[in-house]
Amino acid sequence: MPANLSGCVLAEGMSLDQITHRVTAFNMLDVIRSKSVPALFPKLMVLVAYDLDGTPEAFFERVTLVAPSGATVATSATQLTVQGLVHNSIHALWALRLEEFGHYKVVVARAERRDGEWKTLVERRLSLVNEAHPQWVGGTQPRTPGGTSGITE
């Protein structure tokens, strides 16, 4: 397998330089803070980096966000064709509704075919904790307007 996973970064945003192909991650994540659930999270970006040996290779890559209960929250899959020395792929998981506090898993997997057997490459932990975000002075985080979310599954 010429494509070897070299890293996985979770962030609120990413930027790709169109000339150099360098990636900048904004607000890297390991913890999300909220005083209530469901916690609404607008966007989770997942950067998956590979070291390559120069051999062209094609495969499918999937990123899945799994809740503490084991339920799938969101998933993104794409077909990659890689060559050269390095390759970065970026997945965006939009409009996340996190229903419970605890440790979520971001699972990166690959398969030779979309309907083939998926092999887990890495699992990253992303925790939703019951505490006010430092931005909200005195811990007075506002609730979702109207008490309900406009985001649905």
C-alpha atoms as a PDB file:
ATOM      1  CA  MET A   1       0.000   0.000   0.000  1.00  0.00           C
ATOM      2  CA  PRO A   2       1.968   3.034  -1.246  1.00  0.00           C
ATOM      3  CA  ALA A   3      -0.318   5.616   0.451  1.00  0.00           C
ATOM      4  CA  ASN A   4       0.518   5.638   4.166  1.00  0.00           C
ATOM      5  CA  LEU A   5      -1.542   7.782   6.539  1.00  0.00           C
ATOM      6  CA  SER A   6       0.710  10.383   8.136  1.00  0.00           C
ATOM      7  CA  GLY A   7      -1.813  12.560   9.999  1.00  0.00           C
ATOM      8  CA  CYS A   8      -5.392  13.568  10.709  1.00  0.00           C
ATOM      9  CA  VAL A   9      -6.355  17.081  11.846  1.00  0.00           C
ATOM     10  CA  LEU A  10      -9.777  18.235  13.087  1.00  0.00           C
ATOM     11  CA  ALA A  11     -10.615  21.939  12.789  1.00  0.00           C
ATOM     12  CA  GLU A  12     -13.455  24.428  12.387  1.00  0.00           C
ATOM     13  CA  GLY A  13     -12.072  25.650   9.077  1.00  0.00           C
ATOM     14  CA  MET A  14      -9.335  25.064   6.515  1.00  0.00           C
ATOM     15  CA  SER A  15      -7.780  26.950   3.666  1.00  0.00           C
ATOM     16  CA  LEU A  16      -5.939  25.439   0.710  1.00  0.00           C
ATOM     17  CA  ASP A  17      -3.328  27.539  -1.105  1.00  0.00           C
ATOM     18  CA  GLN A  18      -4.081  27.076  -4.820  1.00  0.00           C
ATOM     19  CA  ILE A  19      -0.430  27.509  -5.858  1.00  0.00           C
ATOM     20  CA  THR A  20       1.554  25.590  -3.215  1.00  0.00           C
ATOM     21  CA  HIS A  21      -1.247  23.211  -2.095  1.00  0.00           C
ATOM     22  CA  ARG A  22      -0.371  23.971   1.521  1.00  0.00           C
ATOM     23  CA  VAL A  23      -3.217  23.632   4.000  1.00  0.00           C
ATOM     24  CA  THR A  24      -3.914  25.991   6.893  1.00  0.00           C
ATOM     25  CA  ALA A  25      -6.176  24.763   9.696  1.00  0.00           C
ATOM     26  CA  PHE A  26      -8.212  27.298  11.699  1.00  0.00           C
ATOM     27  CA  ASN A  27      -9.339  26.564  15.264  1.00  0.00           C
ATOM     28  CA  MET A  28      -8.026  23.022  15.588  1.00  0.00           C
ATOM     29  CA  LEU A  29     -10.349  20.899  17.721  1.00  0.00           C
ATOM     30  CA  ASP A  30     -10.234  18.216  20.362  1.00  0.00           C
ATOM     31  CA  VAL A  31     -13.035  19.567  22.604  1.00  0.00           C
ATOM     32  CA  ILE A  32     -16.361  21.271  21.904  1.00  0.00           C
ATOM     33  CA  ARG A  33     -17.941  23.104  24.850  1.00  0.00           C
ATOM     34  CA  SER A  34     -21.676  23.525  25.319  1.00  0.00           C
ATOM     35  CA  LYS A  35     -24.001  24.018  28.304  1.00  0.00           C
ATOM     36  CA  SER A  36     -26.833  22.129  26.639  1.00  0.00           C
ATOM     37  CA  VAL A  37     -27.607  19.392  24.180  1.00  0.00           C
ATOM     38  CA  PRO A  38     -28.335  19.149  21.425  1.00  0.00           C
ATOM     39  CA  ALA A  39     -25.220  21.164  20.634  1.00  0.00           C
ATOM     40  CA  LEU A  40     -25.297  22.600  17.143  1.00  0.00           C
ATOM     41  CA  PHE A  41     -21.935  22.695  15.407  1.00  0.00           C
ATOM     42  CA  PRO A  42     -21.891  24.359  11.981  1.00  0.00           C
ATOM     43  CA  LYS A  43     -18.868  22.675  10.372  1.00  0.00           C
ATOM     44  CA  LEU A  44     -16.211  20.101  11.196  1.00  0.00           C
ATOM     45  CA  MET A  45     -13.282  19.961   8.785  1.00  0.00           C
ATOM     46  CA  VAL A  46     -11.132  16.822   8.664  1.00  0.00           C
ATOM     47  CA  LEU A  47      -7.713  16.877   6.979  1.00  0.00           C
ATOM     48  CA  VAL A  48      -6.268  13.457   6.133  1.00  0.00           C
ATOM     49  CA  ALA A  49      -2.595  13.464   5.099  1.00  0.00           C
ATOM     50  CA  TYR A  50      -0.716  10.703   3.314  1.00  0.00           C
ATOM     51  CA  ASP A  51       2.949  10.052   2.589  1.00  0.00           C
ATOM     52  CA  LEU A  52       3.365   8.449  -0.829  1.00  0.00           C
ATOM     53  CA  ASP A  53       6.127   6.490  -2.534  1.00  0.00           C
ATOM     54  CA  GLY A  54       5.455   7.910  -6.022  1.00  0.00           C
ATOM     55  CA  THR A  55       3.328   4.994  -7.209  1.00  0.00           C
ATOM     56  CA  PRO A  56      -0.076   6.112  -8.525  1.00  0.00           C
ATOM     57  CA  GLU A  57      -2.912   4.606  -6.509  1.00  0.00           C
ATOM     58  CA  ALA A  58      -6.713   4.914  -6.456  1.00  0.00           C
ATOM     59  CA  PHE A  59      -8.926   4.105  -3.471  1.00  0.00           C
ATOM     60  CA  PHE A  60     -11.987   5.311  -1.594  1.00  0.00           C
ATOM     61  CA  GLU A  61     -11.704   7.275   1.648  1.00  0.00           C
ATOM     62  CA  ARG A  62     -14.479   7.733   4.199  1.00  0.00           C
ATOM     63  CA  VAL A  63     -14.710   9.972   7.267  1.00  0.00           C
ATOM     64  CA  THR A  64     -17.422   9.153   9.824  1.00  0.00           C
ATOM     65  CA  LEU A  65     -18.405  11.011  13.004  1.00  0.00           C
ATOM     66  CA  VAL A  66     -19.676   8.500  15.578  1.00  0.00           C
ATOM     67  CA  ALA A  67     -21.585   9.517  18.754  1.00  0.00           C
ATOM     68  CA  PRO A  68     -20.747   8.091  22.200  1.00  0.00           C
ATOM     69  CA  SER A  69     -23.806   5.827  21.784  1.00  0.00           C
ATOM     70  CA  GLY A  70     -22.320   4.368  18.598  1.00  0.00           C
ATOM     71  CA  ALA A  71     -24.784   6.110  16.274  1.00  0.00           C
ATOM     72  CA  THR A  72     -23.444   7.647  13.054  1.00  0.00           C
ATOM     73  CA  VAL A  73     -23.814  11.444  13.166  1.00  0.00           C
ATOM     74  CA  ALA A  74     -22.374  12.256   9.732  1.00  0.00           C
ATOM     75  CA  THR A  75     -20.252  10.713   7.025  1.00  0.00           C
ATOM     76  CA  SER A  76     -18.328  11.851   3.960  1.00  0.00           C
ATOM     77  CA  ALA A  77     -16.771   9.611   1.311  1.00  0.00           C
ATOM     78  CA  THR A  78     -14.723  10.292  -1.793  1.00  0.00           C
ATOM     79  CA  GLN A  79     -12.631   8.498  -4.374  1.00  0.00           C
ATOM     80  CA  LEU A  80      -8.967   9.488  -4.372  1.00  0.00           C
ATOM     81  CA  THR A  81      -6.318   9.072  -7.034  1.00  0.00           C
ATOM     82  CA  VAL A  82      -2.959   9.875  -5.495  1.00  0.00           C
ATOM     83  CA  GLN A  83       0.575  10.114  -6.855  1.00  0.00           C
ATOM     84  CA  GLY A  84       3.779  11.939  -6.058  1.00  0.00           C
ATOM     85  CA  LEU A  85       5.194  12.223  -2.544  1.00  0.00           C
ATOM     86  CA  VAL A  86       2.307  13.610  -0.450  1.00  0.00           C
ATOM     87  CA  HIS A  87      -1.461  13.944  -0.673  1.00  0.00           C
ATOM     88  CA  ASN A  88      -3.949  15.804   1.529  1.00  0.00           C
ATOM     89  CA  SER A  89      -7.694  15.283   1.431  1.00  0.00           C
ATOM     90  CA  ILE A  90     -10.175  17.545   3.197  1.00  0.00           C
ATOM     91  CA  HIS A  91     -13.683  16.516   4.257  1.00  0.00           C
ATOM     92  CA  ALA A  92     -16.358  18.923   5.516  1.00  0.00           C
ATOM     93  CA  LEU A  93     -19.108  17.624   7.802  1.00  0.00           C
ATOM     94  CA  TRP A  94     -21.823  20.296   7.854  1.00  0.00           C
ATOM     95  CA  ALA A  95     -24.615  21.245  10.257  1.00  0.00           C
ATOM     96  CA  LEU A  96     -23.826  18.760  13.016  1.00  0.00           C
ATOM     97  CA  ARG A  97     -26.363  18.124  15.744  1.00  0.00           C
ATOM     98  CA  LEU A  98     -24.565  16.567  18.724  1.00  0.00           C
ATOM     99  CA  GLU A  99     -27.230  14.927  20.883  1.00  0.00           C
ATOM    100  CA  GLU A 100     -25.164  13.822  23.895  1.00  0.00           C
ATOM    101  CA  PHE A 101     -22.150  14.810  25.954  1.00  0.00           C
ATOM    102  CA  GLY A 102     -19.138  12.512  25.817  1.00  0.00           C
ATOM    103  CA  HIS A 103     -16.426  11.291  23.491  1.00  0.00           C
ATOM    104  CA  TYR A 104     -17.256  11.227  19.796  1.00  0.00           C
ATOM    105  CA  LYS A 105     -15.009   9.388  17.326  1.00  0.00           C
ATOM    106  CA  VAL A 106     -13.873  10.634  13.941  1.00  0.00           C
ATOM    107  CA  VAL A 107     -13.070   7.467  11.992  1.00  0.00           C
ATOM    108  CA  VAL A 108     -11.040   7.560   8.770  1.00  0.00           C
ATOM    109  CA  ALA A 109     -11.305   4.408   6.664  1.00  0.00           C
ATOM    110  CA  ARG A 110     -10.347   3.274   3.176  1.00  0.00           C
ATOM    111  CA  ALA A 111     -11.542   0.671   0.694  1.00  0.00           C
ATOM    112  CA  GLU A 112     -10.476  -0.423  -2.756  1.00  0.00           C
ATOM    113  CA  ARG A 113     -14.120  -0.212  -3.930  1.00  0.00           C
ATOM    114  CA  ARG A 114     -17.022   1.890  -2.599  1.00  0.00           C
ATOM    115  CA  ASP A 115     -18.944  -1.292  -1.809  1.00  0.00           C
ATOM    116  CA  GLY A 116     -15.837  -3.138  -0.636  1.00  0.00           C
ATOM    117  CA  GLU A 117     -14.485  -3.854   2.814  1.00  0.00           C
ATOM    118  CA  TRP A 118     -13.569  -0.682   4.721  1.00  0.00           C
ATOM    119  CA  LYS A 119     -10.341  -0.725   6.741  1.00  0.00           C
ATOM    120  CA  THR A 120     -10.014   1.790   9.589  1.00  0.00           C
ATOM    121  CA  LEU A 121      -6.858   3.886   9.224  1.00  0.00           C
ATOM    122  CA  VAL A 122      -7.221   6.108  12.295  1.00  0.00           C
ATOM    123  CA  GLU A 123      -9.710   7.140  14.978  1.00  0.00           C
ATOM    124  CA  ARG A 124      -9.563  10.621  16.500  1.00  0.00           C
ATOM    125  CA  ARG A 125     -11.457  11.616  19.638  1.00  0.00           C
ATOM    126  CA  LEU A 126     -13.609  14.754  19.721  1.00  0.00           C
ATOM    127  CA  SER A 127     -15.225  15.406  23.098  1.00  0.00           C
ATOM    128  CA  LEU A 128     -18.418  17.352  23.771  1.00  0.00           C
ATOM    129  CA  VAL A 129     -18.191  18.639  27.337  1.00  0.00           C
ATOM    130  CA  ASN A 130     -20.820  20.276  29.554  1.00  0.00           C
ATOM    131  CA  GLU A 131     -19.210  23.641  30.210  1.00  0.00           C
ATOM    132  CA  ALA A 132     -19.570  27.171  28.962  1.00  0.00           C
ATOM    133  CA  HIS A 133     -17.424  28.323  26.092  1.00  0.00           C
ATOM    134  CA  PRO A 134     -14.822  30.880  27.290  1.00  0.00           C
ATOM    135  CA  GLN A 135     -16.393  33.416  24.902  1.00  0.00           C
ATOM    136  CA  TRP A 136     -19.535  33.620  27.051  1.00  0.00           C
ATOM    137  CA  VAL A 137     -18.693  35.828  30.046  1.00  0.00           C
ATOM    138  CA  GLY A 138     -19.946  34.342  33.295  1.00  0.00           C
ATOM    139  CA  GLY A 139     -21.034  31.160  31.558  1.00  0.00           C
ATOM    140  CA  THR A 140     -24.227  32.684  30.134  1.00  0.00           C
ATOM    141  CA  GLN A 141     -24.192  30.870  26.828  1.00  0.00           C
ATOM    142  CA  PRO A 142     -27.349  31.701  24.868  1.00  0.00           C
ATOM    143  CA  ARG A 143     -29.687  28.842  24.012  1.00  0.00           C
ATOM    144  CA  THR A 144     -30.702  28.011  20.481  1.00  0.00           C
ATOM    145  CA  PRO A 145     -33.171  30.708  19.305  1.00  0.00           C
ATOM    146  CA  GLY A 146     -36.720  29.476  19.805  1.00  0.00           C
ATOM    147  CA  GLY A 147     -35.433  26.498  21.765  1.00  0.00           C
ATOM    148  CA  THR A 148     -35.310  24.298  18.679  1.00  0.00           C
ATOM    149  CA  SER A 149     -32.823  23.780  15.914  1.00  0.00           C
ATOM    150  CA  GLY A 150     -33.298  24.688  12.298  1.00  0.00           C
ATOM    151  CA  ILE A 151     -30.849  21.875  11.514  1.00  0.00           C
ATOM    152  CA  THR A 152     -32.248  18.463  10.779  1.00  0.00           C
ATOM    153  CA  GLU A 153     -30.542  15.214   9.927  1.00  0.00           C
END
